[in-house]
């Protein structure tokens, strides 16, 4: 459980409750021993909570700002559709900076 709490950018309390809540079948409660299956009913919700955290991280790292009264928008954007996403950058440099901003928190999950 510790790796999820450390590496998934979302509310760890909610994540832990979902992963430990178990399931009901024919009025019998079955404890969850480990994680959730890929494609399980909760997977899209977990993906979207994680994407919420990723979106917040990108907005903090690449904020929009006002300059001479004009709004200057970030050059990095997260585009979401359901539980899929893409990250865009105005240049290869800004895109690589975006990837580098969250790579340390995802390295142990994807490796």
PDB file of N, CA and C in Angstrom:
ATOM      1  N   UNK A   1       0.821  -1.200   0.000  1.00  0.00           N
ATOM      2  CA  UNK A   1       0.000   0.000   0.000  1.00  0.00           C
ATOM      3  C   UNK A   1       0.856   1.251   0.000  1.00  0.00           C
ATOM      4  N   UNK A   2       2.017   1.214   0.620  1.00  0.00           N
ATOM      5  CA  UNK A   2       2.827   2.424   0.745  1.00  0.00           C
ATOM      6  C   UNK A   2       3.202   3.006  -0.611  1.00  0.00           C
ATOM      7  N   UNK A   3       3.474   2.156  -1.614  1.00  0.00           N
ATOM      8  CA  UNK A   3       3.879   2.703  -2.904  1.00  0.00           C
ATOM      9  C   UNK A   3       2.744   3.490  -3.551  1.00  0.00           C
ATOM     10  N   UNK A   4       1.500   3.054  -3.387  1.00  0.00           N
ATOM     11  CA  UNK A   4       0.390   3.831  -3.930  1.00  0.00           C
ATOM     12  C   UNK A   4       0.298   5.179  -3.231  1.00  0.00           C
ATOM     13  N   UNK A   5       0.382   5.180  -1.911  1.00  0.00           N
ATOM     14  CA  UNK A   5       0.274   6.441  -1.166  1.00  0.00           C
ATOM     15  C   UNK A   5       1.409   7.389  -1.512  1.00  0.00           C
ATOM     16  N   UNK A   6       2.571   6.871  -1.839  1.00  0.00           N
ATOM     17  CA  UNK A   6       3.724   7.692  -2.143  1.00  0.00           C
ATOM     18  C   UNK A   6       3.720   8.171  -3.580  1.00  0.00           C
ATOM     19  N   UNK A   7       3.277   7.332  -4.523  1.00  0.00           N
ATOM     20  CA  UNK A   7       3.505   7.604  -5.932  1.00  0.00           C
ATOM     21  C   UNK A   7       2.276   7.984  -6.752  1.00  0.00           C
ATOM     22  N   UNK A   8       1.098   7.873  -6.215  1.00  0.00           N
ATOM     23  CA  UNK A   8      -0.101   8.249  -6.962  1.00  0.00           C
ATOM     24  C   UNK A   8      -0.536   9.630  -6.489  1.00  0.00           C
ATOM     25  N   UNK A   9      -0.523  10.635  -7.394  1.00  0.00           N
ATOM     26  CA  UNK A   9      -0.854  11.998  -6.968  1.00  0.00           C
ATOM     27  C   UNK A   9      -2.350  12.201  -6.782  1.00  0.00           C
ATOM     28  N   UNK A  10      -2.894  11.678  -5.689  1.00  0.00           N
ATOM     29  CA  UNK A  10      -4.309  11.839  -5.380  1.00  0.00           C
ATOM     30  C   UNK A  10      -4.498  11.742  -3.874  1.00  0.00           C
ATOM     31  N   UNK A  11      -5.716  11.873  -3.411  1.00  0.00           N
ATOM     32  CA  UNK A  11      -6.026  11.792  -1.983  1.00  0.00           C
ATOM     33  C   UNK A  11      -5.774  10.367  -1.495  1.00  0.00           C
ATOM     34  N   UNK A  12      -4.740  10.187  -0.698  1.00  0.00           N
ATOM     35  CA  UNK A  12      -4.331   8.860  -0.247  1.00  0.00           C
ATOM     36  C   UNK A  12      -5.373   8.196   0.646  1.00  0.00           C
ATOM     37  N   UNK A  13      -6.111   8.975   1.423  1.00  0.00           N
ATOM     38  CA  UNK A  13      -7.138   8.401   2.305  1.00  0.00           C
ATOM     39  C   UNK A  13      -8.246   7.759   1.480  1.00  0.00           C
ATOM     40  N   UNK A  14      -8.716   8.461   0.453  1.00  0.00           N
ATOM     41  CA  UNK A  14      -9.764   7.905  -0.404  1.00  0.00           C
ATOM     42  C   UNK A  14      -9.242   6.678  -1.142  1.00  0.00           C
ATOM     43  N   UNK A  15      -8.032   6.759  -1.670  1.00  0.00           N
ATOM     44  CA  UNK A  15      -7.444   5.621  -2.372  1.00  0.00           C
ATOM     45  C   UNK A  15      -7.364   4.396  -1.474  1.00  0.00           C
ATOM     46  N   UNK A  16      -6.868   4.579  -0.274  1.00  0.00           N
ATOM     47  CA  UNK A  16      -6.734   3.440   0.636  1.00  0.00           C
ATOM     48  C   UNK A  16      -8.092   2.831   0.967  1.00  0.00           C
ATOM     49  N   UNK A  17      -9.111   3.659   1.188  1.00  0.00           N
ATOM     50  CA  UNK A  17     -10.456   3.137   1.469  1.00  0.00           C
ATOM     51  C   UNK A  17     -10.987   2.317   0.302  1.00  0.00           C
ATOM     52  N   UNK A  18     -10.793   2.808  -0.930  1.00  0.00           N
ATOM     53  CA  UNK A  18     -11.254   2.061  -2.103  1.00  0.00           C
ATOM     54  C   UNK A  18     -10.527   0.729  -2.224  1.00  0.00           C
ATOM     55  N   UNK A  19      -9.218   0.734  -2.014  1.00  0.00           N
ATOM     56  CA  UNK A  19      -8.441  -0.485  -2.199  1.00  0.00           C
ATOM     57  C   UNK A  19      -8.677  -1.509  -1.098  1.00  0.00           C
ATOM     58  N   UNK A  20      -9.173  -1.070   0.045  1.00  0.00           N
ATOM     59  CA  UNK A  20      -9.390  -1.983   1.166  1.00  0.00           C
ATOM     60  C   UNK A  20     -10.865  -2.312   1.429  1.00  0.00           C
ATOM     61  N   UNK A  21     -11.771  -1.780   0.635  1.00  0.00           N
ATOM     62  CA  UNK A  21     -13.189  -1.894   0.965  1.00  0.00           C
ATOM     63  C   UNK A  21     -13.770  -3.281   0.719  1.00  0.00           C
ATOM     64  N   UNK A  22     -13.145  -4.119  -0.091  1.00  0.00           N
ATOM     65  CA  UNK A  22     -13.682  -5.445  -0.363  1.00  0.00           C
ATOM     66  C   UNK A  22     -14.848  -5.382  -1.335  1.00  0.00           C
ATOM     67  N   UNK A  23     -15.587  -6.490  -1.422  1.00  0.00           N
ATOM     68  CA  UNK A  23     -16.744  -6.523  -2.315  1.00  0.00           C
ATOM     69  C   UNK A  23     -17.804  -7.456  -1.756  1.00  0.00           C
ATOM     70  N   UNK A  24     -19.026  -7.236  -2.196  1.00  0.00           N
ATOM     71  CA  UNK A  24     -20.156  -8.067  -1.787  1.00  0.00           C
ATOM     72  C   UNK A  24     -20.560  -8.999  -2.918  1.00  0.00           C
ATOM     73  N   UNK A  25     -20.839 -10.257  -2.556  1.00  0.00           N
ATOM     74  CA  UNK A  25     -21.386 -11.219  -3.507  1.00  0.00           C
ATOM     75  C   UNK A  25     -22.388 -12.074  -2.753  1.00  0.00           C
ATOM     76  N   UNK A  26     -23.631 -12.048  -3.225  1.00  0.00           N
ATOM     77  CA  UNK A  26     -24.710 -12.787  -2.544  1.00  0.00           C
ATOM     78  C   UNK A  26     -24.768 -12.457  -1.058  1.00  0.00           C
ATOM     79  N   UNK A  27     -24.681 -11.193  -0.728  1.00  0.00           N
ATOM     80  CA  UNK A  27     -24.738 -10.675   0.647  1.00  0.00           C
ATOM     81  C   UNK A  27     -23.552 -11.086   1.513  1.00  0.00           C
ATOM     82  N   UNK A  28     -22.527 -11.658   0.933  1.00  0.00           N
ATOM     83  CA  UNK A  28     -21.311 -12.014   1.671  1.00  0.00           C
ATOM     84  C   UNK A  28     -20.227 -10.987   1.363  1.00  0.00           C
ATOM     85  N   UNK A  29     -19.561 -10.493   2.395  1.00  0.00           N
ATOM     86  CA  UNK A  29     -18.486  -9.529   2.233  1.00  0.00           C
ATOM     87  C   UNK A  29     -17.162 -10.260   2.098  1.00  0.00           C
ATOM     88  N   UNK A  30     -16.417  -9.931   1.052  1.00  0.00           N
ATOM     89  CA  UNK A  30     -15.099 -10.513   0.826  1.00  0.00           C
ATOM     90  C   UNK A  30     -14.069  -9.395   0.934  1.00  0.00           C
ATOM     91  N   UNK A  31     -13.085  -9.623   1.776  1.00  0.00           N
ATOM     92  CA  UNK A  31     -12.041  -8.614   1.993  1.00  0.00           C
ATOM     93  C   UNK A  31     -11.158  -8.498   0.752  1.00  0.00           C
ATOM     94  N   UNK A  32     -10.642  -7.307   0.526  1.00  0.00           N
ATOM     95  CA  UNK A  32      -9.688  -7.092  -0.550  1.00  0.00           C
ATOM     96  C   UNK A  32      -8.301  -7.320   0.022  1.00  0.00           C
ATOM     97  N   UNK A  33      -7.570  -8.230  -0.591  1.00  0.00           N
ATOM     98  CA  UNK A  33      -6.233  -8.515  -0.080  1.00  0.00           C
ATOM     99  C   UNK A  33      -5.165  -7.645  -0.726  1.00  0.00           C
ATOM    100  N   UNK A  34      -5.362  -7.302  -2.018  1.00  0.00           N
ATOM    101  CA  UNK A  34      -4.327  -6.525  -2.689  1.00  0.00           C
ATOM    102  C   UNK A  34      -4.892  -5.830  -3.927  1.00  0.00           C
ATOM    103  N   UNK A  35      -4.835  -4.499  -3.956  1.00  0.00           N
ATOM    104  CA  UNK A  35      -5.151  -3.714  -5.141  1.00  0.00           C
ATOM    105  C   UNK A  35      -6.506  -3.944  -5.760  1.00  0.00           C
ATOM    106  N   UNK A  36      -6.585  -3.658  -7.033  1.00  0.00           N
ATOM    107  CA  UNK A  36      -7.809  -3.816  -7.808  1.00  0.00           C
ATOM    108  C   UNK A  36      -7.429  -4.354  -9.176  1.00  0.00           C
ATOM    109  N   UNK A  37      -8.250  -5.203  -9.778  1.00  0.00           N
ATOM    110  CA  UNK A  37      -7.870  -5.771 -11.077  1.00  0.00           C
ATOM    111  C   UNK A  37      -7.926  -4.738 -12.201  1.00  0.00           C
ATOM    112  N   UNK A  38      -7.038  -4.884 -13.174  1.00  0.00           N
ATOM    113  CA  UNK A  38      -7.068  -4.037 -14.362  1.00  0.00           C
ATOM    114  C   UNK A  38      -8.409  -4.232 -15.044  1.00  0.00           C
ATOM    115  N   UNK A  39      -9.073  -3.146 -15.375  1.00  0.00           N
ATOM    116  CA  UNK A  39     -10.380  -3.246 -16.019  1.00  0.00           C
ATOM    117  C   UNK A  39     -11.516  -3.459 -15.042  1.00  0.00           C
ATOM    118  N   UNK A  40     -11.212  -3.508 -13.737  1.00  0.00           N
ATOM    119  CA  UNK A  40     -12.255  -3.651 -12.734  1.00  0.00           C
ATOM    120  C   UNK A  40     -13.139  -2.416 -12.709  1.00  0.00           C
ATOM    121  N   UNK A  41     -14.257  -2.517 -12.052  1.00  0.00           N
ATOM    122  CA  UNK A  41     -15.242  -1.441 -12.058  1.00  0.00           C
ATOM    123  C   UNK A  41     -14.702  -0.147 -11.460  1.00  0.00           C
ATOM    124  N   UNK A  42     -13.742  -0.250 -10.562  1.00  0.00           N
ATOM    125  CA  UNK A  42     -13.206   0.949  -9.926  1.00  0.00           C
ATOM    126  C   UNK A  42     -12.045   1.561 -10.707  1.00  0.00           C
ATOM    127  N   UNK A  43     -11.483   0.835 -11.674  1.00  0.00           N
ATOM    128  CA  UNK A  43     -10.315   1.328 -12.415  1.00  0.00           C
ATOM    129  C   UNK A  43     -10.509   2.708 -13.042  1.00  0.00           C
ATOM    130  N   UNK A  44     -11.634   2.994 -13.718  1.00  0.00           N
ATOM    131  CA  UNK A  44     -11.797   4.340 -14.287  1.00  0.00           C
ATOM    132  C   UNK A  44     -11.821   5.442 -13.224  1.00  0.00           C
ATOM    133  N   UNK A  45     -12.441   5.170 -12.086  1.00  0.00           N
ATOM    134  CA  UNK A  45     -12.471   6.175 -11.017  1.00  0.00           C
ATOM    135  C   UNK A  45     -11.066   6.414 -10.471  1.00  0.00           C
ATOM    136  N   UNK A  46     -10.322   5.337 -10.240  1.00  0.00           N
ATOM    137  CA  UNK A  46      -8.947   5.499  -9.756  1.00  0.00           C
ATOM    138  C   UNK A  46      -8.097   6.250 -10.773  1.00  0.00           C
ATOM    139  N   UNK A  47      -8.273   5.923 -12.046  1.00  0.00           N
ATOM    140  CA  UNK A  47      -7.517   6.620 -13.092  1.00  0.00           C
ATOM    141  C   UNK A  47      -7.856   8.103 -13.093  1.00  0.00           C
ATOM    142  N   UNK A  48      -9.128   8.443 -12.983  1.00  0.00           N
ATOM    143  CA  UNK A  48      -9.516   9.855 -13.001  1.00  0.00           C
ATOM    144  C   UNK A  48      -9.067  10.600 -11.752  1.00  0.00           C
ATOM    145  N   UNK A  49      -9.093   9.969 -10.603  1.00  0.00           N
ATOM    146  CA  UNK A  49      -8.571  10.620  -9.392  1.00  0.00           C
ATOM    147  C   UNK A  49      -7.079  10.884  -9.561  1.00  0.00           C
ATOM    148  N   UNK A  50      -6.379   9.920 -10.143  1.00  0.00           N
ATOM    149  CA  UNK A  50      -4.957  10.095 -10.381  1.00  0.00           C
ATOM    150  C   UNK A  50      -4.717  11.221 -11.386  1.00  0.00           C
ATOM    151  N   UNK A  51      -5.537  11.261 -12.446  1.00  0.00           N
ATOM    152  CA  UNK A  51      -5.407  12.335 -13.428  1.00  0.00           C
ATOM    153  C   UNK A  51      -5.735  13.697 -12.814  1.00  0.00           C
ATOM    154  N   UNK A  52      -6.664  13.745 -11.860  1.00  0.00           N
ATOM    155  CA  UNK A  52      -6.931  14.999 -11.141  1.00  0.00           C
ATOM    156  C   UNK A  52      -5.653  15.488 -10.456  1.00  0.00           C
ATOM    157  N   UNK A  53      -4.954  14.554  -9.813  1.00  0.00           N
ATOM    158  CA  UNK A  53      -3.702  14.906  -9.140  1.00  0.00           C
ATOM    159  C   UNK A  53      -2.627  15.330 -10.121  1.00  0.00           C
ATOM    160  N   UNK A  54      -2.542  14.634 -11.251  1.00  0.00           N
ATOM    161  CA  UNK A  54      -1.565  14.987 -12.273  1.00  0.00           C
ATOM    162  C   UNK A  54      -1.869  16.366 -12.853  1.00  0.00           C
ATOM    163  N   UNK A  55      -3.139  16.644 -13.086  1.00  0.00           N
ATOM    164  CA  UNK A  55      -3.541  17.947 -13.611  1.00  0.00           C
ATOM    165  C   UNK A  55      -3.175  19.064 -12.631  1.00  0.00           C
ATOM    166  N   UNK A  56      -3.420  18.838 -11.348  1.00  0.00           N
ATOM    167  CA  UNK A  56      -3.055  19.827 -10.325  1.00  0.00           C
ATOM    168  C   UNK A  56      -1.547  20.051 -10.295  1.00  0.00           C
ATOM    169  N   UNK A  57      -0.783  18.966 -10.382  1.00  0.00           N
ATOM    170  CA  UNK A  57       0.671  19.070 -10.381  1.00  0.00           C
ATOM    171  C   UNK A  57       1.164  19.887 -11.579  1.00  0.00           C
ATOM    172  N   UNK A  58       0.599  19.631 -12.760  1.00  0.00           N
ATOM    173  CA  UNK A  58       1.008  20.378 -13.945  1.00  0.00           C
ATOM    174  C   UNK A  58       0.630  21.853 -13.836  1.00  0.00           C
ATOM    175  N   UNK A  59      -0.560  22.147 -13.265  1.00  0.00           N
ATOM    176  CA  UNK A  59      -0.971  23.546 -13.110  1.00  0.00           C
ATOM    177  C   UNK A  59      -0.073  24.290 -12.122  1.00  0.00           C
ATOM    178  N   UNK A  60       0.397  23.600 -11.075  1.00  0.00           N
ATOM    179  CA  UNK A  60       1.305  24.228 -10.121  1.00  0.00           C
ATOM    180  C   UNK A  60       2.682  24.450 -10.740  1.00  0.00           C
ATOM    181  N   UNK A  61       3.123  23.460 -11.512  1.00  0.00           N
ATOM    182  CA  UNK A  61       4.452  23.530 -12.107  1.00  0.00           C
ATOM    183  C   UNK A  61       4.505  24.514 -13.269  1.00  0.00           C
ATOM    184  N   UNK A  62       3.403  24.614 -14.023  1.00  0.00           N
ATOM    185  CA  UNK A  62       3.337  25.484 -15.207  1.00  0.00           C
ATOM    186  C   UNK A  62       2.115  26.391 -15.107  1.00  0.00           C
ATOM    187  N   UNK A  63       2.132  27.360 -14.173  1.00  0.00           N
ATOM    188  CA  UNK A  63       0.948  28.199 -13.960  1.00  0.00           C
ATOM    189  C   UNK A  63       0.765  29.236 -15.074  1.00  0.00           C
ATOM    190  N   UNK A  64      -0.488  29.630 -15.276  1.00  0.00           N
ATOM    191  CA  UNK A  64      -0.729  30.789 -16.138  1.00  0.00           C
ATOM    192  C   UNK A  64      -0.496  32.027 -15.273  1.00  0.00           C
ATOM    193  N   UNK A  65      -0.303  33.166 -15.926  1.00  0.00           N
ATOM    194  CA  UNK A  65       0.002  34.383 -15.165  1.00  0.00           C
ATOM    195  C   UNK A  65      -0.511  35.590 -15.933  1.00  0.00           C
ATOM    196  N   UNK A  66      -0.561  36.704 -15.253  1.00  0.00           N
ATOM    197  CA  UNK A  66      -0.928  37.968 -15.906  1.00  0.00           C
ATOM    198  C   UNK A  66       0.337  38.775 -16.121  1.00  0.00           C
ATOM    199  N   UNK A  67       0.436  39.334 -17.315  1.00  0.00           N
ATOM    200  CA  UNK A  67       1.587  40.161 -17.651  1.00  0.00           C
ATOM    201  C   UNK A  67       1.077  41.388 -18.391  1.00  0.00           C
ATOM    202  N   UNK A  68       1.298  42.551 -17.809  1.00  0.00           N
ATOM    203  CA  UNK A  68       0.812  43.808 -18.378  1.00  0.00           C
ATOM    204  C   UNK A  68      -0.690  43.754 -18.629  1.00  0.00           C
ATOM    205  N   UNK A  69      -1.413  43.160 -17.675  1.00  0.00           N
ATOM    206  CA  UNK A  69      -2.867  43.082 -17.758  1.00  0.00           C
ATOM    207  C   UNK A  69      -3.398  42.016 -18.696  1.00  0.00           C
ATOM    208  N   UNK A  70      -2.513  41.263 -19.342  1.00  0.00           N
ATOM    209  CA  UNK A  70      -2.946  40.229 -20.287  1.00  0.00           C
ATOM    210  C   UNK A  70      -2.665  38.852 -19.692  1.00  0.00           C
ATOM    211  N   UNK A  71      -3.621  37.934 -19.835  1.00  0.00           N
ATOM    212  CA  UNK A  71      -3.473  36.571 -19.326  1.00  0.00           C
ATOM    213  C   UNK A  71      -2.520  35.797 -20.229  1.00  0.00           C
ATOM    214  N   UNK A  72      -1.481  35.236 -19.641  1.00  0.00           N
ATOM    215  CA  UNK A  72      -0.515  34.407 -20.363  1.00  0.00           C
ATOM    216  C   UNK A  72      -0.745  32.972 -19.892  1.00  0.00           C
ATOM    217  N   UNK A  73      -1.134  32.116 -20.812  1.00  0.00           N
ATOM    218  CA  UNK A  73      -1.453  30.742 -20.462  1.00  0.00           C
ATOM    219  C   UNK A  73      -0.213  29.854 -20.533  1.00  0.00           C
ATOM    220  N   UNK A  74      -0.250  28.808 -19.748  1.00  0.00           N
ATOM    221  CA  UNK A  74       0.847  27.845 -19.717  1.00  0.00           C
ATOM    222  C   UNK A  74       1.067  27.250 -21.103  1.00  0.00           C
ATOM    223  N   UNK A  75       2.286  26.827 -21.347  1.00  0.00           N
ATOM    224  CA  UNK A  75       2.605  26.193 -22.619  1.00  0.00           C
ATOM    225  C   UNK A  75       2.480  24.680 -22.537  1.00  0.00           C
ATOM    226  N   UNK A  76       1.979  24.188 -21.404  1.00  0.00           N
ATOM    227  CA  UNK A  76       1.798  22.754 -21.200  1.00  0.00           C
ATOM    228  C   UNK A  76       0.340  22.515 -20.817  1.00  0.00           C
ATOM    229  N   UNK A  77      -0.274  21.529 -21.468  1.00  0.00           N
ATOM    230  CA  UNK A  77      -1.684  21.246 -21.206  1.00  0.00           C
ATOM    231  C   UNK A  77      -1.924  19.750 -21.079  1.00  0.00           C
ATOM    232  N   UNK A  78      -2.878  19.410 -20.239  1.00  0.00           N
ATOM    233  CA  UNK A  78      -3.339  18.030 -20.092  1.00  0.00           C
ATOM    234  C   UNK A  78      -4.706  17.958 -20.744  1.00  0.00           C
ATOM    235  N   UNK A  79      -4.858  17.070 -21.708  1.00  0.00           N
ATOM    236  CA  UNK A  79      -6.136  16.851 -22.386  1.00  0.00           C
ATOM    237  C   UNK A  79      -6.642  15.492 -21.940  1.00  0.00           C
ATOM    238  N   UNK A  80      -7.877  15.479 -21.410  1.00  0.00           N
ATOM    239  CA  UNK A  80      -8.443  14.238 -20.858  1.00  0.00           C
ATOM    240  C   UNK A  80      -9.685  13.822 -21.626  1.00  0.00           C
ATOM    241  N   UNK A  81      -9.843  12.532 -21.780  1.00  0.00           N
ATOM    242  CA  UNK A  81     -11.068  11.959 -22.321  1.00  0.00           C
ATOM    243  C   UNK A  81     -11.290  10.657 -21.569  1.00  0.00           C
ATOM    244  N   UNK A  82     -12.369  10.620 -20.783  1.00  0.00           N
ATOM    245  CA  UNK A  82     -12.646   9.469 -19.917  1.00  0.00           C
ATOM    246  C   UNK A  82     -11.426   9.242 -19.029  1.00  0.00           C
ATOM    247  N   UNK A  83     -10.824   8.046 -19.088  1.00  0.00           N
ATOM    248  CA  UNK A  83      -9.658   7.804 -18.237  1.00  0.00           C
ATOM    249  C   UNK A  83      -8.366   7.757 -19.059  1.00  0.00           C
ATOM    250  N   UNK A  84      -8.389   8.372 -20.233  1.00  0.00           N
ATOM    251  CA  UNK A  84      -7.199   8.504 -21.071  1.00  0.00           C
ATOM    252  C   UNK A  84      -6.742   9.960 -21.049  1.00  0.00           C
ATOM    253  N   UNK A  85      -5.496  10.200 -21.414  1.00  0.00           N
ATOM    254  CA  UNK A  85      -4.992  11.566 -21.422  1.00  0.00           C
ATOM    255  C   UNK A  85      -3.814  11.698 -22.374  1.00  0.00           C
ATOM    256  N   UNK A  86      -3.568  12.931 -22.775  1.00  0.00           N
ATOM    257  CA  UNK A  86      -2.334  13.290 -23.464  1.00  0.00           C
ATOM    258  C   UNK A  86      -1.828  14.579 -22.821  1.00  0.00           C
ATOM    259  N   UNK A  87      -0.538  14.770 -22.876  1.00  0.00           N
ATOM    260  CA  UNK A  87       0.072  16.005 -22.400  1.00  0.00           C
ATOM    261  C   UNK A  87       0.676  16.678 -23.621  1.00  0.00           C
ATOM    262  N   UNK A  88       0.341  17.943 -23.799  1.00  0.00           N
ATOM    263  CA  UNK A  88       0.877  18.695 -24.931  1.00  0.00           C
ATOM    264  C   UNK A  88       1.795  19.787 -24.421  1.00  0.00           C
ATOM    265  N   UNK A  89       2.733  20.160 -25.259  1.00  0.00           N
ATOM    266  CA  UNK A  89       3.639  21.256 -24.953  1.00  0.00           C
ATOM    267  C   UNK A  89       3.870  22.062 -26.210  1.00  0.00           C
ATOM    268  N   UNK A  90       4.016  23.358 -26.050  1.00  0.00           N
ATOM    269  CA  UNK A  90       4.221  24.228 -27.205  1.00  0.00           C
ATOM    270  C   UNK A  90       5.549  23.923 -27.891  1.00  0.00           C
ATOM    271  N   UNK A  91       6.493  23.401 -27.148  1.00  0.00           N
ATOM    272  CA  UNK A  91       7.796  23.044 -27.720  1.00  0.00           C
ATOM    273  C   UNK A  91       8.258  21.739 -27.080  1.00  0.00           C
ATOM    274  N   UNK A  92       9.232  21.118 -27.692  1.00  0.00           N
ATOM    275  CA  UNK A  92       9.796  19.883 -27.128  1.00  0.00           C
ATOM    276  C   UNK A  92      10.354  20.164 -25.730  1.00  0.00           C
ATOM    277  N   UNK A  93      10.953  21.335 -25.553  1.00  0.00           N
ATOM    278  CA  UNK A  93      11.528  21.708 -24.255  1.00  0.00           C
ATOM    279  C   UNK A  93      10.450  21.798 -23.172  1.00  0.00           C
ATOM    280  N   UNK A  94       9.322  22.471 -23.464  1.00  0.00           N
ATOM    281  CA  UNK A  94       8.256  22.584 -22.461  1.00  0.00           C
ATOM    282  C   UNK A  94       7.613  21.235 -22.194  1.00  0.00           C
ATOM    283  N   UNK A  95       7.473  20.415 -23.236  1.00  0.00           N
ATOM    284  CA  UNK A  95       6.911  19.079 -23.046  1.00  0.00           C
ATOM    285  C   UNK A  95       7.824  18.233 -22.160  1.00  0.00           C
ATOM    286  N   UNK A  96       9.123  18.239 -22.446  1.00  0.00           N
ATOM    287  CA  UNK A  96      10.063  17.467 -21.633  1.00  0.00           C
ATOM    288  C   UNK A  96      10.088  17.951 -20.192  1.00  0.00           C
ATOM    289  N   UNK A  97       9.938  19.252 -19.981  1.00  0.00           N
ATOM    290  CA  UNK A  97       9.876  19.789 -18.617  1.00  0.00           C
ATOM    291  C   UNK A  97       8.643  19.265 -17.899  1.00  0.00           C
ATOM    292  N   UNK A  98       7.524  19.144 -18.619  1.00  0.00           N
ATOM    293  CA  UNK A  98       6.296  18.612 -18.024  1.00  0.00           C
ATOM    294  C   UNK A  98       6.496  17.161 -17.616  1.00  0.00           C
ATOM    295  N   UNK A  99       7.050  16.374 -18.510  1.00  0.00           N
ATOM    296  CA  UNK A  99       7.282  14.962 -18.213  1.00  0.00           C
ATOM    297  C   UNK A  99       8.232  14.824 -17.024  1.00  0.00           C
ATOM    298  N   UNK A 100       9.283  15.609 -17.008  1.00  0.00           N
ATOM    299  CA  UNK A 100      10.248  15.543 -15.909  1.00  0.00           C
ATOM    300  C   UNK A 100       9.636  15.956 -14.581  1.00  0.00           C
ATOM    301  N   UNK A 101       8.593  16.806 -14.601  1.00  0.00           N
ATOM    302  CA  UNK A 101       7.998  17.279 -13.348  1.00  0.00           C
ATOM    303  C   UNK A 101       7.264  16.177 -12.598  1.00  0.00           C
ATOM    304  N   UNK A 102       6.746  15.186 -13.317  1.00  0.00           N
ATOM    305  CA  UNK A 102       6.051  14.116 -12.590  1.00  0.00           C
ATOM    306  C   UNK A 102       6.714  12.757 -12.734  1.00  0.00           C
ATOM    307  N   UNK A 103       7.764  12.649 -13.483  1.00  0.00           N
ATOM    308  CA  UNK A 103       8.448  11.364 -13.660  1.00  0.00           C
ATOM    309  C   UNK A 103       8.933  10.761 -12.341  1.00  0.00           C
ATOM    310  N   UNK A 104       9.516  11.519 -11.407  1.00  0.00           N
ATOM    311  CA  UNK A 104       9.971  10.888 -10.162  1.00  0.00           C
ATOM    312  C   UNK A 104       8.850  10.197  -9.388  1.00  0.00           C
ATOM    313  N   UNK A 105       7.639  10.725  -9.436  1.00  0.00           N
ATOM    314  CA  UNK A 105       6.546  10.118  -8.670  1.00  0.00           C
ATOM    315  C   UNK A 105       5.937   8.922  -9.375  1.00  0.00           C
ATOM    316  N   UNK A 106       6.246   8.718 -10.660  1.00  0.00           N
ATOM    317  CA  UNK A 106       5.665   7.582 -11.376  1.00  0.00           C
ATOM    318  C   UNK A 106       6.691   6.506 -11.717  1.00  0.00           C
ATOM    319  N   UNK A 107       7.957   6.782 -11.520  1.00  0.00           N
ATOM    320  CA  UNK A 107       9.014   5.860 -11.940  1.00  0.00           C
ATOM    321  C   UNK A 107       8.830   4.449 -11.382  1.00  0.00           C
ATOM    322  N   UNK A 108       8.532   4.298 -10.102  1.00  0.00           N
ATOM    323  CA  UNK A 108       8.424   2.954  -9.515  1.00  0.00           C
ATOM    324  C   UNK A 108       7.139   2.245  -9.940  1.00  0.00           C
ATOM    325  N   UNK A 109       6.145   2.982 -10.398  1.00  0.00           N
ATOM    326  CA  UNK A 109       4.899   2.348 -10.836  1.00  0.00           C
ATOM    327  C   UNK A 109       5.052   1.747 -12.227  1.00  0.00           C
ATOM    328  N   UNK A 110       5.699   2.464 -13.133  1.00  0.00           N
ATOM    329  CA  UNK A 110       5.791   2.016 -14.512  1.00  0.00           C
ATOM    330  C   UNK A 110       7.034   1.205 -14.815  1.00  0.00           C
ATOM    331  N   UNK A 111       7.966   1.141 -13.909  1.00  0.00           N
ATOM    332  CA  UNK A 111       9.199   0.380 -14.197  1.00  0.00           C
ATOM    333  C   UNK A 111       9.077  -1.059 -13.757  1.00  0.00           C
TER     334      UNK A 111
END
